[in-house]
Amino acid sequence: MAWRITRGEIWLVDLGMAAKVRPCLILSVPFEGDEKAVVTYVARTTQVHGGRFEVEHVDHKFLPGVFDAQNIGTVPVPKLERFLTRLSADKLAGVEAAVQRWLGFTE
């Protein structure tokens, strides 16, 4: 099967028994050829705490929620269950900025 998962897409991802299946924003660039078939994501949650690493996400396809930059990870592609939608460029930039703050890349 040919996988072409791109940065900025939201997929339903199986994060395991404890974290369950949830929407996740893909942050990594597409892998090629013999590279590992993995993606890096930031999870979306409806558990809003109002922290500085949360990016609000309102879309008629979802319950109100946030992308939580403190909840990033990497999973193998078979954990992606299905494509949901694509995030707007400005909202993606907001999530990227929150992840950079969380990792200490920016102030």
N, C-alpha and C. Protein backbone atom coordinates (compact mmCIF):
# COMPACT_ATOMS: atom_id res chain seq x y z
N MET A 1 0.85 -1.19 0.00
CA MET A 1 0.00 0.00 0.00
C MET A 1 0.88 1.24 0.00
N ALA A 2 0.59 2.19 -0.83
CA ALA A 2 1.36 3.44 -0.91
C ALA A 2 0.78 4.46 0.08
N TRP A 3 1.60 4.89 1.00
CA TRP A 3 1.19 5.87 2.00
C TRP A 3 1.70 7.23 1.59
N ARG A 4 0.85 8.22 1.64
CA ARG A 4 1.28 9.60 1.41
C ARG A 4 0.56 10.47 2.43
N ILE A 5 1.08 10.48 3.62
CA ILE A 5 0.52 11.26 4.71
C ILE A 5 1.29 12.56 4.76
N THR A 6 0.59 13.68 4.80
CA THR A 6 1.30 14.96 4.73
C THR A 6 1.06 15.81 5.96
N ARG A 7 2.04 16.64 6.21
CA ARG A 7 2.01 17.60 7.32
C ARG A 7 0.74 18.44 7.22
N GLY A 8 0.07 18.61 8.37
CA GLY A 8 -1.13 19.43 8.41
C GLY A 8 -2.42 18.64 8.30
N GLU A 9 -2.33 17.34 8.04
CA GLU A 9 -3.53 16.51 7.99
C GLU A 9 -3.91 16.06 9.39
N ILE A 10 -5.20 15.88 9.60
CA ILE A 10 -5.69 15.32 10.86
C ILE A 10 -6.17 13.90 10.57
N TRP A 11 -5.63 12.96 11.32
CA TRP A 11 -5.96 11.54 11.18
C TRP A 11 -6.49 11.02 12.51
N LEU A 12 -7.33 10.01 12.44
CA LEU A 12 -7.73 9.26 13.62
C LEU A 12 -6.63 8.24 13.86
N VAL A 13 -6.01 8.29 15.05
CA VAL A 13 -4.82 7.49 15.34
C VAL A 13 -5.06 6.63 16.58
N ASP A 14 -4.67 5.37 16.50
CA ASP A 14 -4.73 4.47 17.65
C ASP A 14 -3.49 4.71 18.50
N LEU A 15 -3.68 5.37 19.65
CA LEU A 15 -2.55 5.70 20.53
C LEU A 15 -2.37 4.67 21.64
N GLY A 16 -3.04 3.55 21.53
CA GLY A 16 -2.88 2.50 22.52
C GLY A 16 -3.99 2.51 23.54
N MET A 17 -3.97 1.51 24.39
CA MET A 17 -5.06 1.30 25.34
C MET A 17 -5.26 2.49 26.29
N ALA A 18 -4.18 3.03 26.83
CA ALA A 18 -4.30 4.12 27.80
C ALA A 18 -4.74 5.44 27.17
N ALA A 19 -4.25 5.72 25.98
CA ALA A 19 -4.55 7.00 25.34
C ALA A 19 -5.73 6.93 24.39
N LYS A 20 -6.13 5.75 23.99
CA LYS A 20 -7.25 5.44 23.10
C LYS A 20 -7.05 5.97 21.68
N VAL A 21 -8.11 5.89 20.90
CA VAL A 21 -8.08 6.39 19.53
C VAL A 21 -8.54 7.83 19.55
N ARG A 22 -7.74 8.71 18.94
CA ARG A 22 -8.12 10.12 18.94
C ARG A 22 -7.60 10.83 17.71
N PRO A 23 -8.19 11.98 17.40
CA PRO A 23 -7.68 12.77 16.27
C PRO A 23 -6.30 13.33 16.59
N CYS A 24 -5.42 13.28 15.61
CA CYS A 24 -4.06 13.80 15.77
C CYS A 24 -3.67 14.57 14.53
N LEU A 25 -2.95 15.65 14.75
CA LEU A 25 -2.43 16.47 13.67
C LEU A 25 -1.04 15.96 13.30
N ILE A 26 -0.82 15.67 12.03
CA ILE A 26 0.48 15.21 11.58
C ILE A 26 1.42 16.40 11.46
N LEU A 27 2.59 16.31 12.12
CA LEU A 27 3.58 17.38 12.09
C LEU A 27 4.79 17.04 11.23
N SER A 28 5.04 15.77 11.02
CA SER A 28 6.24 15.36 10.29
C SER A 28 6.04 15.49 8.78
N VAL A 29 7.15 15.54 8.09
CA VAL A 29 7.13 15.57 6.63
C VAL A 29 6.96 14.13 6.13
N PRO A 30 6.51 13.95 4.90
CA PRO A 30 6.34 12.59 4.38
C PRO A 30 7.68 11.83 4.33
N PHE A 31 7.63 10.56 4.70
CA PHE A 31 8.81 9.71 4.59
C PHE A 31 8.91 9.22 3.15
N GLU A 32 10.10 8.76 2.79
CA GLU A 32 10.32 8.30 1.42
C GLU A 32 10.97 6.92 1.42
N GLY A 33 10.75 6.20 0.34
CA GLY A 33 11.43 4.95 0.04
C GLY A 33 11.71 4.05 1.21
N ASP A 34 13.01 3.94 1.55
CA ASP A 34 13.43 3.00 2.59
C ASP A 34 13.48 3.63 3.99
N GLU A 35 12.95 4.84 4.15
CA GLU A 35 12.91 5.47 5.48
C GLU A 35 11.84 4.79 6.34
N LYS A 36 11.93 4.96 7.64
CA LYS A 36 10.95 4.38 8.54
C LYS A 36 9.56 4.94 8.23
N ALA A 37 8.57 4.07 8.22
CA ALA A 37 7.19 4.46 7.95
C ALA A 37 6.54 4.88 9.27
N VAL A 38 6.93 6.06 9.75
CA VAL A 38 6.41 6.61 10.99
C VAL A 38 5.99 8.06 10.76
N VAL A 39 5.10 8.55 11.63
CA VAL A 39 4.69 9.96 11.60
C VAL A 39 4.76 10.52 13.01
N THR A 40 5.05 11.80 13.09
CA THR A 40 5.02 12.50 14.37
C THR A 40 3.76 13.35 14.40
N TYR A 41 3.09 13.35 15.56
CA TYR A 41 1.78 13.97 15.68
C TYR A 41 1.71 14.83 16.94
N VAL A 42 0.69 15.67 16.98
CA VAL A 42 0.26 16.32 18.22
C VAL A 42 -1.22 15.95 18.37
N ALA A 43 -1.55 15.47 19.55
CA ALA A 43 -2.90 14.96 19.79
C ALA A 43 -3.90 16.09 20.01
N ARG A 44 -5.13 15.83 19.60
CA ARG A 44 -6.25 16.74 19.84
C ARG A 44 -7.08 16.17 20.98
N THR A 45 -7.51 17.04 21.86
CA THR A 45 -8.30 16.60 23.01
C THR A 45 -9.44 17.56 23.29
N THR A 46 -10.47 17.05 23.92
CA THR A 46 -11.57 17.90 24.36
C THR A 46 -11.38 18.31 25.82
N GLN A 47 -10.33 17.80 26.46
CA GLN A 47 -10.00 18.17 27.83
C GLN A 47 -9.19 19.46 27.81
N VAL A 48 -9.88 20.58 27.89
CA VAL A 48 -9.24 21.89 27.78
C VAL A 48 -8.87 22.40 29.17
N HIS A 49 -7.58 22.76 29.33
CA HIS A 49 -7.10 23.28 30.61
C HIS A 49 -6.72 24.75 30.53
N GLY A 50 -6.66 25.30 29.31
CA GLY A 50 -6.33 26.71 29.15
C GLY A 50 -4.86 27.03 29.28
N GLY A 51 -4.00 26.04 29.10
CA GLY A 51 -2.56 26.25 29.23
C GLY A 51 -1.95 26.91 28.00
N ARG A 52 -0.74 27.38 28.16
CA ARG A 52 -0.05 28.11 27.08
C ARG A 52 0.39 27.21 25.93
N PHE A 53 0.30 25.89 26.10
CA PHE A 53 0.70 24.97 25.05
C PHE A 53 -0.50 24.36 24.32
N GLU A 54 -1.68 24.88 24.61
CA GLU A 54 -2.90 24.42 23.94
C GLU A 54 -3.27 25.40 22.83
N VAL A 55 -3.70 24.85 21.71
CA VAL A 55 -4.14 25.66 20.58
C VAL A 55 -5.58 25.28 20.28
N GLU A 56 -6.46 26.24 20.46
CA GLU A 56 -7.89 26.00 20.26
C GLU A 56 -8.17 25.53 18.83
N HIS A 57 -9.08 24.57 18.74
CA HIS A 57 -9.49 24.08 17.42
C HIS A 57 -11.00 23.93 17.40
N VAL A 58 -11.63 24.75 16.59
CA VAL A 58 -13.09 24.71 16.42
C VAL A 58 -13.37 24.34 14.98
N ASP A 59 -14.12 23.27 14.80
CA ASP A 59 -14.47 22.78 13.47
C ASP A 59 -15.78 22.02 13.61
N HIS A 60 -16.69 22.20 12.69
CA HIS A 60 -18.00 21.57 12.78
C HIS A 60 -17.92 20.04 12.77
N LYS A 61 -16.79 19.48 12.36
CA LYS A 61 -16.62 18.02 12.31
C LYS A 61 -16.21 17.44 13.66
N PHE A 62 -15.89 18.31 14.63
CA PHE A 62 -15.35 17.86 15.91
C PHE A 62 -16.07 18.54 17.07
N LEU A 63 -16.01 17.91 18.24
CA LEU A 63 -16.40 18.59 19.46
C LEU A 63 -15.37 19.69 19.72
N PRO A 64 -15.73 20.76 20.43
CA PRO A 64 -14.73 21.80 20.75
C PRO A 64 -13.53 21.18 21.46
N GLY A 65 -12.34 21.64 21.11
CA GLY A 65 -11.14 21.07 21.72
C GLY A 65 -9.90 21.86 21.40
N VAL A 66 -8.77 21.26 21.72
CA VAL A 66 -7.46 21.89 21.51
C VAL A 66 -6.46 20.87 21.00
N PHE A 67 -5.44 21.38 20.32
CA PHE A 67 -4.26 20.58 20.05
C PHE A 67 -3.32 20.85 21.22
N ASP A 68 -2.85 19.79 21.86
CA ASP A 68 -2.04 19.90 23.07
C ASP A 68 -0.58 19.64 22.74
N ALA A 69 0.22 20.72 22.68
CA ALA A 69 1.63 20.60 22.30
C ALA A 69 2.44 19.80 23.32
N GLN A 70 1.89 19.55 24.50
CA GLN A 70 2.58 18.70 25.47
C GLN A 70 2.26 17.23 25.23
N ASN A 71 1.46 16.95 24.23
CA ASN A 71 1.08 15.58 23.90
C ASN A 71 1.49 15.29 22.46
N ILE A 72 2.81 15.20 22.25
CA ILE A 72 3.34 14.87 20.93
C ILE A 72 3.95 13.47 20.99
N GLY A 73 4.02 12.84 19.85
CA GLY A 73 4.61 11.50 19.80
C GLY A 73 4.83 11.07 18.37
N THR A 74 5.34 9.86 18.24
CA THR A 74 5.59 9.27 16.94
C THR A 74 5.02 7.86 16.95
N VAL A 75 4.32 7.51 15.87
CA VAL A 75 3.73 6.18 15.74
C VAL A 75 4.01 5.62 14.35
N PRO A 76 4.01 4.29 14.23
CA PRO A 76 4.11 3.69 12.90
C PRO A 76 2.83 3.95 12.12
N VAL A 77 2.95 4.07 10.82
CA VAL A 77 1.83 4.39 9.95
C VAL A 77 0.62 3.46 10.14
N PRO A 78 0.79 2.15 10.37
CA PRO A 78 -0.40 1.31 10.54
C PRO A 78 -1.30 1.71 11.72
N LYS A 79 -0.82 2.57 12.62
CA LYS A 79 -1.65 3.07 13.73
C LYS A 79 -2.64 4.14 13.28
N LEU A 80 -2.43 4.67 12.08
CA LEU A 80 -3.36 5.66 11.53
C LEU A 80 -4.56 4.92 10.98
N GLU A 81 -5.73 5.24 11.52
CA GLU A 81 -6.93 4.50 11.13
C GLU A 81 -7.64 5.11 9.93
N ARG A 82 -7.76 6.44 9.91
CA ARG A 82 -8.38 7.07 8.74
C ARG A 82 -8.14 8.57 8.75
N PHE A 83 -8.09 9.10 7.53
CA PHE A 83 -7.94 10.54 7.32
C PHE A 83 -9.24 11.24 7.71
N LEU A 84 -9.13 12.37 8.41
CA LEU A 84 -10.31 13.14 8.80
C LEU A 84 -10.45 14.44 8.02
N THR A 85 -9.41 15.25 8.01
CA THR A 85 -9.47 16.55 7.34
C THR A 85 -8.08 17.16 7.29
N ARG A 86 -7.98 18.34 6.73
CA ARG A 86 -6.71 19.09 6.70
C ARG A 86 -6.89 20.36 7.51
N LEU A 87 -5.90 20.71 8.31
CA LEU A 87 -5.93 21.92 9.13
C LEU A 87 -5.54 23.12 8.29
N SER A 88 -6.12 24.28 8.56
CA SER A 88 -5.76 25.49 7.84
C SER A 88 -4.30 25.87 8.12
N ALA A 89 -3.69 26.57 7.18
CA ALA A 89 -2.28 26.96 7.31
C ALA A 89 -2.04 27.83 8.53
N ASP A 90 -2.95 28.76 8.83
CA ASP A 90 -2.74 29.63 10.00
C ASP A 90 -2.86 28.86 11.30
N LYS A 91 -3.79 27.90 11.37
CA LYS A 91 -3.94 27.09 12.59
C LYS A 91 -2.74 26.16 12.75
N LEU A 92 -2.24 25.60 11.64
CA LEU A 92 -1.04 24.76 11.68
C LEU A 92 0.14 25.57 12.22
N ALA A 93 0.28 26.81 11.77
CA ALA A 93 1.36 27.67 12.26
C ALA A 93 1.24 27.90 13.76
N GLY A 94 0.01 28.04 14.25
CA GLY A 94 -0.20 28.20 15.69
C GLY A 94 0.21 26.97 16.48
N VAL A 95 -0.09 25.79 15.96
CA VAL A 95 0.31 24.54 16.63
C VAL A 95 1.83 24.40 16.59
N GLU A 96 2.43 24.70 15.45
CA GLU A 96 3.89 24.64 15.35
C GLU A 96 4.55 25.56 16.37
N ALA A 97 4.02 26.76 16.54
CA ALA A 97 4.57 27.72 17.50
C ALA A 97 4.44 27.19 18.93
N ALA A 98 3.32 26.57 19.25
CA ALA A 98 3.12 26.00 20.59
C ALA A 98 4.09 24.86 20.85
N VAL A 99 4.33 24.01 19.86
CA VAL A 99 5.29 22.91 20.01
C VAL A 99 6.70 23.47 20.19
N GLN A 100 7.05 24.50 19.43
CA GLN A 100 8.38 25.13 19.59
C GLN A 100 8.55 25.70 20.98
N ARG A 101 7.49 26.34 21.52
CA ARG A 101 7.56 26.87 22.89
C ARG A 101 7.76 25.73 23.88
N TRP A 102 6.98 24.65 23.72
CA TRP A 102 7.05 23.51 24.63
C TRP A 102 8.45 22.88 24.63
N LEU A 103 9.06 22.79 23.45
CA LEU A 103 10.39 22.18 23.35
C LEU A 103 11.53 23.14 23.62
N GLY A 104 11.20 24.42 23.87
CA GLY A 104 12.22 25.39 24.21
C GLY A 104 12.97 25.94 23.02
N PHE A 105 12.41 25.80 21.82
CA PHE A 105 13.05 26.33 20.63
C PHE A 105 12.84 27.84 20.50
N THR A 106 11.80 28.35 21.13
CA THR A 106 11.52 29.79 21.14
C THR A 106 11.10 30.19 22.55
N GLU A 107 11.04 31.46 22.78
CA GLU A 107 10.62 31.98 24.10
C GLU A 107 9.13 32.01 24.22
